[in-house]
Protein backbone atom coordinates (compact mmCIF):
# COMPACT_ATOMS: atom_id res chain seq x y z
CA MET A 1 -7.88 21.87 0.96
CA GLU A 2 -11.53 21.49 -0.76
CA ILE A 3 -14.37 19.53 0.50
CA LYS A 4 -13.78 17.44 -2.33
CA GLU A 5 -10.36 16.59 -1.70
CA ALA A 6 -10.89 15.48 1.95
CA LEU A 7 -13.92 13.37 0.78
CA LEU A 8 -11.69 11.68 -1.47
CA ALA A 9 -8.95 11.06 0.53
CA PHE A 10 -11.68 9.27 3.06
CA ASP A 11 -13.52 7.47 0.52
CA SER A 12 -9.77 5.96 -0.08
CA LEU A 13 -8.93 4.78 3.45
CA SER A 14 -12.41 3.48 3.98
CA GLN A 15 -11.31 0.38 1.88
CA GLU A 16 -9.41 -2.15 4.73
CA THR A 17 -6.75 -3.01 2.29
CA ARG A 18 -5.70 0.32 1.18
CA LEU A 19 -6.12 1.71 5.12
CA ARG A 20 -3.72 -1.26 5.96
CA VAL A 21 -1.28 -0.18 3.25
CA PHE A 22 -1.29 3.51 4.16
CA ARG A 23 -0.51 2.39 7.53
CA LEU A 24 2.27 0.67 6.75
CA LEU A 25 3.70 3.07 4.60
CA VAL A 26 3.37 5.85 7.12
CA GLU A 27 5.89 3.37 9.34
CA TYR A 28 7.97 3.51 6.62
CA GLY A 29 8.55 6.88 6.85
CA PRO A 30 8.99 9.48 4.15
CA GLU A 31 11.96 6.94 2.61
CA GLY A 32 9.14 4.78 1.57
CA ALA A 33 9.27 0.45 0.23
CA PRO A 34 9.08 -0.89 -2.79
CA ALA A 35 5.77 -2.65 -3.95
CA GLY A 36 7.63 -6.24 -3.36
CA ALA A 37 8.18 -5.37 0.27
CA LEU A 38 4.69 -3.58 0.88
CA SER A 39 3.16 -6.75 -0.71
CA GLU A 40 5.10 -9.47 1.06
CA ALA A 41 4.65 -7.64 4.65
CA LEU A 42 0.71 -7.37 4.09
CA GLY A 43 0.28 -10.41 2.32
CA ILE A 44 -1.20 -8.99 -1.16
CA PRO A 45 -1.06 -9.92 -4.27
CA HIS A 46 1.36 -7.69 -6.50
CA ASN A 47 -1.83 -7.23 -8.91
CA THR A 48 -4.37 -6.38 -6.02
CA LEU A 49 -1.43 -3.86 -4.57
CA SER A 50 -1.17 -2.47 -7.64
CA PHE A 51 -4.95 -1.34 -8.06
CA HIS A 52 -5.17 0.07 -4.00
CA LEU A 53 -1.67 2.21 -4.44
CA SER A 54 -3.19 3.68 -7.64
CA HIS A 55 -6.05 4.52 -6.11
CA MET A 56 -4.59 6.16 -3.03
CA SER A 57 -2.20 7.71 -5.41
CA LYS A 58 -5.10 9.63 -7.42
CA ALA A 59 -6.45 10.65 -4.07
CA GLY A 60 -3.09 12.26 -3.11
CA LEU A 61 -2.38 10.22 -0.18
CA VAL A 62 0.13 8.03 -1.76
CA LEU A 63 3.34 9.14 -3.46
CA SER A 64 5.77 7.57 -5.70
CA ARG A 65 9.44 7.42 -7.56
CA ARG A 66 11.72 5.31 -9.28
CA GLU A 67 14.74 4.18 -8.16
CA GLY A 68 16.43 1.82 -10.50
CA ARG A 69 13.85 -0.98 -11.70
CA SER A 70 11.88 -0.30 -8.59
CA ILE A 71 9.51 1.54 -7.69
CA ILE A 72 9.00 3.02 -4.22
CA TYR A 73 5.97 4.27 -2.23
CA SER A 74 5.32 6.40 0.63
CA ALA A 75 2.70 8.31 2.32
CA ASN A 76 2.24 11.63 1.35
CA PHE A 77 2.62 13.47 4.48
CA GLU A 78 2.10 16.58 3.99
CA PHE A 79 -1.30 16.08 2.30
CA PHE A 80 -2.01 13.78 5.34
CA THR A 81 -1.14 16.63 7.42
CA ASN A 82 -3.07 19.06 5.30
CA LEU A 83 -6.38 16.64 5.68
CA ILE A 84 -5.78 16.47 9.66
CA ARG A 85 -5.38 20.18 9.55
CA TYR A 86 -8.96 20.43 7.79
CA MET A 87 -10.32 18.58 10.14
CA VAL A 88 -9.09 20.24 13.01
CA LYS A 89 -9.78 23.69 11.76
CA ASP A 90 -13.19 23.43 10.20
CA CYS A 91 -14.36 20.76 11.94
CA CYS A 92 -13.63 21.23 15.64
CA ARG A 93 -14.66 23.93 18.12
CA GLU A 94 -11.48 25.66 19.32
CA ASP A 95 -11.94 24.78 22.86
CA MET A 96 -11.77 21.07 21.33
CA ALA A 97 -8.84 20.83 19.16
CA SER A 98 -6.32 23.34 18.25
CA ILE A 99 -3.47 23.23 16.07
CA ARG A 100 -0.04 25.13 16.92
CA ASP A 101 3.22 25.42 14.67
CA ASN A 102 6.00 24.20 16.22
CA LYS A 103 8.93 26.34 14.17
CA LYS A 104 11.78 24.73 16.16
CA LYS A 105 11.16 21.51 15.34
CA ASN A 106 9.40 21.92 11.73
CA CYS A 107 6.02 20.44 12.60
CA SER A 108 2.61 20.92 13.62
CA ILE A 109 1.24 19.81 17.00
CA ILE A 110 -2.77 18.95 17.13
CA GLU A 111 -3.97 19.47 20.92
CA LEU A 112 -7.17 17.73 21.66
CA SER A 113 -8.98 18.44 24.99
CA ASN A 114 -10.11 15.77 27.29
CA CYS A 115 -13.99 16.38 27.44
CA CYS A 116 -16.18 14.33 29.50
């Protein structure tokens, strides 16, 4: 990941509505949810939600796909994992944080030390 990608993602998440939307999308998991369900769950008007989803999509945080007449949105877990990996690898000392891959579970495990 390049620093410009990370900055764009953090800029997108630094807005309250977008952070709320992203956290909800994470709860929905890879299956995602239609925009209407997101709008209703968060009490956000459709046009406002559309603006924020577009912003987050451009930042790489959100994916969308069409299912019939609905557009289903989901968190881009691969991108977000790479963002976290970028922060740990390039911003933390190894004795403070590390990442190890668990091939059996097909996941990465981030370990943060308890300090002070």
